[in-house]
Amino acid sequence: MFIRNTAVTAIALVLFAGATQAQTQTQNFESAAYTTCRDAQAMQPEARKSVAIFLAEHSARYRGVTIPDDDRGAQLAQLVRGGCTLAPDAYLFTVIDRAIQAELTKLPKRQ
């Protein structure tokens, strides 16, 4: 079970404001996976948060880890923020997944 507390919320909050098209994307991974950091920046805060949480949970589930509610989760958020700042045209899912991969050894395994 994933912890949706501060760590995942922090990932969503460090992203910029976003476009309304992503409100429907949280239901469809195929669509959400192609959301760029620039698209996320244009979203309304709630839509951006929903997409980021959805993508982070998907990636963490695939990698066999959970996103903790502590400094490790905050580190993930900083990596996502930095990745989106450096590459605004990168896919948000790729940035989130690579942040999780970078911190994989530090994240708790799924049970």
N, C-alpha and C. Protein backbone atom coordinates (compact mmCIF):
# COMPACT_ATOMS: atom_id res chain seq x y z
N MET A 1 0.85 -1.18 0.00
CA MET A 1 0.00 0.00 0.00
C MET A 1 0.89 1.24 0.00
N PHE A 2 0.54 2.18 -0.81
CA PHE A 2 1.34 3.38 -0.93
C PHE A 2 0.90 4.43 0.08
N ILE A 3 1.85 5.14 0.53
CA ILE A 3 1.57 6.23 1.45
C ILE A 3 1.41 7.50 0.63
N ARG A 4 0.21 8.08 0.66
CA ARG A 4 -0.06 9.28 -0.14
C ARG A 4 0.15 10.55 0.65
N ASN A 5 0.87 10.47 1.68
CA ASN A 5 1.02 11.62 2.56
C ASN A 5 1.93 12.68 1.97
N THR A 6 2.71 13.26 2.78
CA THR A 6 3.51 14.42 2.41
C THR A 6 4.48 14.16 1.28
N ALA A 7 5.07 12.99 1.21
CA ALA A 7 6.08 12.74 0.19
C ALA A 7 5.49 12.84 -1.21
N VAL A 8 4.39 12.15 -1.45
CA VAL A 8 3.79 12.19 -2.78
C VAL A 8 3.17 13.55 -3.03
N THR A 9 2.56 14.13 -2.02
CA THR A 9 2.00 15.46 -2.16
C THR A 9 3.10 16.46 -2.48
N ALA A 10 4.26 16.28 -1.87
CA ALA A 10 5.38 17.18 -2.13
C ALA A 10 5.81 17.10 -3.59
N ILE A 11 5.78 15.89 -4.17
CA ILE A 11 6.13 15.75 -5.58
C ILE A 11 5.18 16.60 -6.42
N ALA A 12 3.90 16.52 -6.09
CA ALA A 12 2.92 17.29 -6.85
C ALA A 12 3.09 18.79 -6.63
N LEU A 13 3.39 19.18 -5.40
CA LEU A 13 3.47 20.60 -5.09
C LEU A 13 4.71 21.28 -5.64
N VAL A 14 5.79 20.53 -5.81
CA VAL A 14 6.98 21.17 -6.34
C VAL A 14 6.89 21.39 -7.84
N LEU A 15 5.95 20.75 -8.48
CA LEU A 15 5.73 21.02 -9.90
C LEU A 15 5.01 22.36 -10.03
N PHE A 16 5.02 22.89 -11.20
CA PHE A 16 4.44 24.21 -11.41
C PHE A 16 2.94 24.11 -11.67
N ALA A 17 2.25 25.19 -11.89
CA ALA A 17 0.79 25.21 -12.11
C ALA A 17 0.44 24.51 -13.43
N GLY A 18 -0.80 23.93 -13.61
CA GLY A 18 -1.04 23.07 -14.75
C GLY A 18 -2.32 23.19 -15.57
N ALA A 19 -2.41 22.49 -16.72
CA ALA A 19 -3.53 22.55 -17.69
C ALA A 19 -4.69 21.64 -17.33
N THR A 20 -5.87 22.06 -17.64
CA THR A 20 -7.08 21.34 -17.23
C THR A 20 -7.26 20.01 -17.95
N GLN A 21 -6.59 19.76 -19.05
CA GLN A 21 -6.75 18.51 -19.77
C GLN A 21 -6.35 17.31 -18.94
N ALA A 22 -5.50 17.45 -17.96
CA ALA A 22 -5.00 16.32 -17.19
C ALA A 22 -5.98 15.83 -16.14
N GLN A 23 -7.07 16.53 -15.91
CA GLN A 23 -8.05 16.06 -14.94
C GLN A 23 -8.60 14.70 -15.36
N THR A 24 -8.74 14.47 -16.62
CA THR A 24 -9.22 13.18 -17.11
C THR A 24 -8.08 12.18 -17.27
N GLN A 25 -6.85 12.64 -17.28
CA GLN A 25 -5.72 11.77 -17.50
C GLN A 25 -5.40 10.87 -16.32
N THR A 26 -5.85 11.24 -15.12
CA THR A 26 -5.53 10.41 -13.97
C THR A 26 -6.18 9.05 -14.07
N GLN A 27 -7.22 8.91 -14.86
CA GLN A 27 -7.89 7.63 -15.04
C GLN A 27 -7.22 6.79 -16.12
N ASN A 28 -6.38 7.36 -16.93
CA ASN A 28 -5.83 6.67 -18.08
C ASN A 28 -4.32 6.83 -18.11
N PHE A 29 -3.61 5.76 -17.76
CA PHE A 29 -2.15 5.83 -17.73
C PHE A 29 -1.57 6.18 -19.09
N GLU A 30 -2.15 5.64 -20.14
CA GLU A 30 -1.64 5.92 -21.48
C GLU A 30 -1.61 7.42 -21.77
N SER A 31 -2.62 8.13 -21.34
CA SER A 31 -2.65 9.58 -21.55
C SER A 31 -1.75 10.31 -20.56
N ALA A 32 -1.81 9.89 -19.29
CA ALA A 32 -1.03 10.57 -18.26
C ALA A 32 0.47 10.42 -18.49
N ALA A 33 0.88 9.30 -19.04
CA ALA A 33 2.31 9.05 -19.27
C ALA A 33 2.91 10.05 -20.26
N TYR A 34 2.09 10.64 -21.10
CA TYR A 34 2.59 11.59 -22.10
C TYR A 34 2.42 13.05 -21.69
N THR A 35 2.15 13.28 -20.43
CA THR A 35 2.09 14.64 -19.90
C THR A 35 3.52 15.13 -19.68
N THR A 36 3.86 16.26 -20.25
CA THR A 36 5.21 16.80 -20.06
C THR A 36 5.25 17.67 -18.81
N CYS A 37 6.45 17.99 -18.39
CA CYS A 37 6.60 18.90 -17.25
C CYS A 37 5.97 20.26 -17.58
N ARG A 38 6.10 20.67 -18.83
CA ARG A 38 5.50 21.94 -19.25
C ARG A 38 3.98 21.87 -19.17
N ASP A 39 3.40 20.71 -19.56
CA ASP A 39 1.95 20.52 -19.43
C ASP A 39 1.54 20.58 -17.96
N ALA A 40 2.34 19.95 -17.11
CA ALA A 40 2.05 19.95 -15.68
C ALA A 40 2.09 21.36 -15.12
N GLN A 41 3.02 22.15 -15.63
CA GLN A 41 3.13 23.53 -15.18
C GLN A 41 1.86 24.31 -15.50
N ALA A 42 1.20 23.96 -16.57
CA ALA A 42 0.02 24.69 -17.01
C ALA A 42 -1.27 24.20 -16.34
N MET A 43 -1.20 23.14 -15.56
CA MET A 43 -2.40 22.56 -14.92
C MET A 43 -2.85 23.32 -13.69
N GLN A 44 -4.11 23.11 -13.36
CA GLN A 44 -4.62 23.60 -12.08
C GLN A 44 -3.96 22.76 -10.98
N PRO A 45 -3.77 23.32 -9.79
CA PRO A 45 -3.05 22.60 -8.73
C PRO A 45 -3.63 21.21 -8.41
N GLU A 46 -4.92 21.07 -8.35
CA GLU A 46 -5.51 19.78 -8.01
C GLU A 46 -5.29 18.76 -9.12
N ALA A 47 -5.40 19.18 -10.36
CA ALA A 47 -5.17 18.28 -11.49
C ALA A 47 -3.70 17.85 -11.53
N ARG A 48 -2.81 18.80 -11.30
CA ARG A 48 -1.37 18.51 -11.28
C ARG A 48 -1.04 17.51 -10.17
N LYS A 49 -1.63 17.73 -9.01
CA LYS A 49 -1.39 16.84 -7.88
C LYS A 49 -1.90 15.43 -8.18
N SER A 50 -3.08 15.34 -8.78
CA SER A 50 -3.66 14.04 -9.12
C SER A 50 -2.79 13.28 -10.11
N VAL A 51 -2.34 13.96 -11.13
CA VAL A 51 -1.50 13.31 -12.14
C VAL A 51 -0.18 12.87 -11.53
N ALA A 52 0.46 13.73 -10.76
CA ALA A 52 1.75 13.39 -10.15
C ALA A 52 1.62 12.21 -9.19
N ILE A 53 0.58 12.19 -8.39
CA ILE A 53 0.36 11.08 -7.46
C ILE A 53 0.11 9.79 -8.24
N PHE A 54 -0.73 9.87 -9.25
CA PHE A 54 -1.04 8.71 -10.07
C PHE A 54 0.23 8.13 -10.70
N LEU A 55 1.05 8.98 -11.29
CA LEU A 55 2.28 8.53 -11.93
C LEU A 55 3.31 8.02 -10.93
N ALA A 56 3.43 8.68 -9.79
CA ALA A 56 4.38 8.24 -8.76
C ALA A 56 3.98 6.88 -8.20
N GLU A 57 2.70 6.67 -7.97
CA GLU A 57 2.24 5.38 -7.47
C GLU A 57 2.48 4.28 -8.49
N HIS A 58 2.23 4.58 -9.75
CA HIS A 58 2.44 3.59 -10.79
C HIS A 58 3.92 3.19 -10.86
N SER A 59 4.79 4.16 -10.87
CA SER A 59 6.22 3.89 -10.95
C SER A 59 6.71 3.12 -9.72
N ALA A 60 6.30 3.56 -8.55
CA ALA A 60 6.73 2.89 -7.32
C ALA A 60 6.23 1.45 -7.27
N ARG A 61 5.01 1.24 -7.70
CA ARG A 61 4.46 -0.12 -7.75
C ARG A 61 5.27 -0.98 -8.71
N TYR A 62 5.59 -0.47 -9.87
CA TYR A 62 6.38 -1.21 -10.86
C TYR A 62 7.77 -1.53 -10.32
N ARG A 63 8.37 -0.60 -9.61
CA ARG A 63 9.72 -0.78 -9.06
C ARG A 63 9.74 -1.60 -7.78
N GLY A 64 8.56 -1.91 -7.22
CA GLY A 64 8.48 -2.74 -6.02
C GLY A 64 8.82 -2.01 -4.74
N VAL A 65 8.59 -0.72 -4.71
CA VAL A 65 8.88 0.09 -3.51
C VAL A 65 7.65 0.91 -3.13
N THR A 66 7.74 1.52 -1.99
CA THR A 66 6.72 2.47 -1.57
C THR A 66 7.38 3.84 -1.43
N ILE A 67 6.57 4.86 -1.44
CA ILE A 67 7.08 6.22 -1.26
C ILE A 67 6.82 6.60 0.19
N PRO A 68 7.87 6.71 0.98
CA PRO A 68 7.69 6.98 2.41
C PRO A 68 7.36 8.44 2.69
N ASP A 69 6.82 8.66 3.87
CA ASP A 69 6.46 10.00 4.31
C ASP A 69 7.55 10.54 5.23
N ASP A 70 8.72 10.73 4.67
CA ASP A 70 9.84 11.26 5.45
C ASP A 70 10.81 11.97 4.50
N ASP A 71 12.05 12.11 4.93
CA ASP A 71 13.04 12.82 4.11
C ASP A 71 13.31 12.15 2.77
N ARG A 72 13.14 10.83 2.70
CA ARG A 72 13.35 10.13 1.43
C ARG A 72 12.31 10.57 0.40
N GLY A 73 11.09 10.75 0.85
CA GLY A 73 10.05 11.25 -0.05
C GLY A 73 10.30 12.68 -0.47
N ALA A 74 10.79 13.48 0.45
CA ALA A 74 11.13 14.87 0.13
C ALA A 74 12.28 14.93 -0.87
N GLN A 75 13.23 13.99 -0.76
CA GLN A 75 14.34 13.93 -1.72
C GLN A 75 13.81 13.62 -3.12
N LEU A 76 12.84 12.71 -3.20
CA LEU A 76 12.22 12.41 -4.50
C LEU A 76 11.58 13.67 -5.09
N ALA A 77 10.90 14.41 -4.25
CA ALA A 77 10.24 15.63 -4.72
C ALA A 77 11.26 16.63 -5.27
N GLN A 78 12.39 16.75 -4.60
CA GLN A 78 13.43 17.66 -5.07
C GLN A 78 14.01 17.20 -6.40
N LEU A 79 14.18 15.89 -6.55
CA LEU A 79 14.69 15.36 -7.81
C LEU A 79 13.72 15.62 -8.96
N VAL A 80 12.43 15.46 -8.70
CA VAL A 80 11.41 15.73 -9.72
C VAL A 80 11.41 17.21 -10.07
N ARG A 81 11.47 18.04 -9.07
CA ARG A 81 11.49 19.48 -9.33
C ARG A 81 12.70 19.87 -10.18
N GLY A 82 13.86 19.35 -9.81
CA GLY A 82 15.07 19.65 -10.57
C GLY A 82 15.00 19.13 -11.99
N GLY A 83 14.49 17.91 -12.15
CA GLY A 83 14.36 17.32 -13.48
C GLY A 83 13.44 18.12 -14.37
N CYS A 84 12.33 18.58 -13.81
CA CYS A 84 11.38 19.37 -14.60
C CYS A 84 11.92 20.77 -14.89
N THR A 85 12.74 21.29 -14.01
CA THR A 85 13.35 22.59 -14.25
C THR A 85 14.37 22.50 -15.38
N LEU A 86 15.18 21.43 -15.36
CA LEU A 86 16.20 21.26 -16.38
C LEU A 86 15.64 20.86 -17.74
N ALA A 87 14.55 20.09 -17.73
CA ALA A 87 13.99 19.59 -18.98
C ALA A 87 12.48 19.74 -18.99
N PRO A 88 11.97 20.95 -19.21
CA PRO A 88 10.52 21.17 -19.15
C PRO A 88 9.73 20.40 -20.21
N ASP A 89 10.39 19.97 -21.27
CA ASP A 89 9.69 19.20 -22.31
C ASP A 89 9.77 17.70 -22.08
N ALA A 90 10.41 17.28 -20.99
CA ALA A 90 10.49 15.85 -20.65
C ALA A 90 9.13 15.38 -20.15
N TYR A 91 8.86 14.10 -20.36
CA TYR A 91 7.62 13.53 -19.85
C TYR A 91 7.69 13.46 -18.33
N LEU A 92 6.63 13.91 -17.68
CA LEU A 92 6.58 13.92 -16.22
C LEU A 92 6.79 12.52 -15.66
N PHE A 93 6.19 11.52 -16.28
CA PHE A 93 6.36 10.14 -15.80
C PHE A 93 7.83 9.74 -15.83
N THR A 94 8.54 10.11 -16.88
CA THR A 94 9.96 9.77 -16.98
C THR A 94 10.75 10.43 -15.86
N VAL A 95 10.46 11.68 -15.59
CA VAL A 95 11.17 12.40 -14.52
C VAL A 95 10.88 11.74 -13.17
N ILE A 96 9.63 11.43 -12.89
CA ILE A 96 9.26 10.79 -11.63
C ILE A 96 9.89 9.41 -11.53
N ASP A 97 9.82 8.62 -12.60
CA ASP A 97 10.37 7.26 -12.59
C ASP A 97 11.88 7.29 -12.38
N ARG A 98 12.56 8.20 -13.02
CA ARG A 98 14.02 8.29 -12.85
C ARG A 98 14.40 8.76 -11.46
N ALA A 99 13.59 9.61 -10.88
CA ALA A 99 13.84 10.02 -9.49
C ALA A 99 13.70 8.81 -8.56
N ILE A 100 12.67 8.01 -8.79
CA ILE A 100 12.48 6.81 -7.98
C ILE A 100 13.62 5.83 -8.21
N GLN A 101 14.06 5.66 -9.44
CA GLN A 101 15.20 4.78 -9.72
C GLN A 101 16.46 5.27 -9.03
N ALA A 102 16.68 6.57 -9.01
CA ALA A 102 17.87 7.13 -8.38
C ALA A 102 17.90 6.86 -6.88
N GLU A 103 16.74 6.81 -6.27
CA GLU A 103 16.64 6.62 -4.83
C GLU A 103 16.19 5.21 -4.46
N LEU A 104 16.19 4.30 -5.41
CA LEU A 104 15.63 2.96 -5.23
C LEU A 104 16.20 2.22 -4.03
N THR A 105 17.49 2.30 -3.83
CA THR A 105 18.11 1.56 -2.71
C THR A 105 17.74 2.15 -1.35
N LYS A 106 17.27 3.37 -1.34
CA LYS A 106 16.90 4.04 -0.09
C LYS A 106 15.42 3.92 0.24
N LEU A 107 14.61 3.42 -0.71
CA LEU A 107 13.17 3.34 -0.51
C LEU A 107 12.76 1.98 0.05
N PRO A 108 11.74 1.96 0.91
CA PRO A 108 11.29 0.67 1.48
C PRO A 108 10.62 -0.20 0.41
N LYS A 109 10.89 -1.49 0.50
CA LYS A 109 10.29 -2.45 -0.43
C LYS A 109 8.81 -2.62 -0.14
N ARG A 110 8.05 -2.94 -1.19
CA ARG A 110 6.61 -3.24 -1.02
C ARG A 110 6.47 -4.56 -0.29
N GLN A 111 5.38 -4.66 0.46
CA GLN A 111 5.11 -5.91 1.18
C GLN A 111 3.85 -6.54 0.74
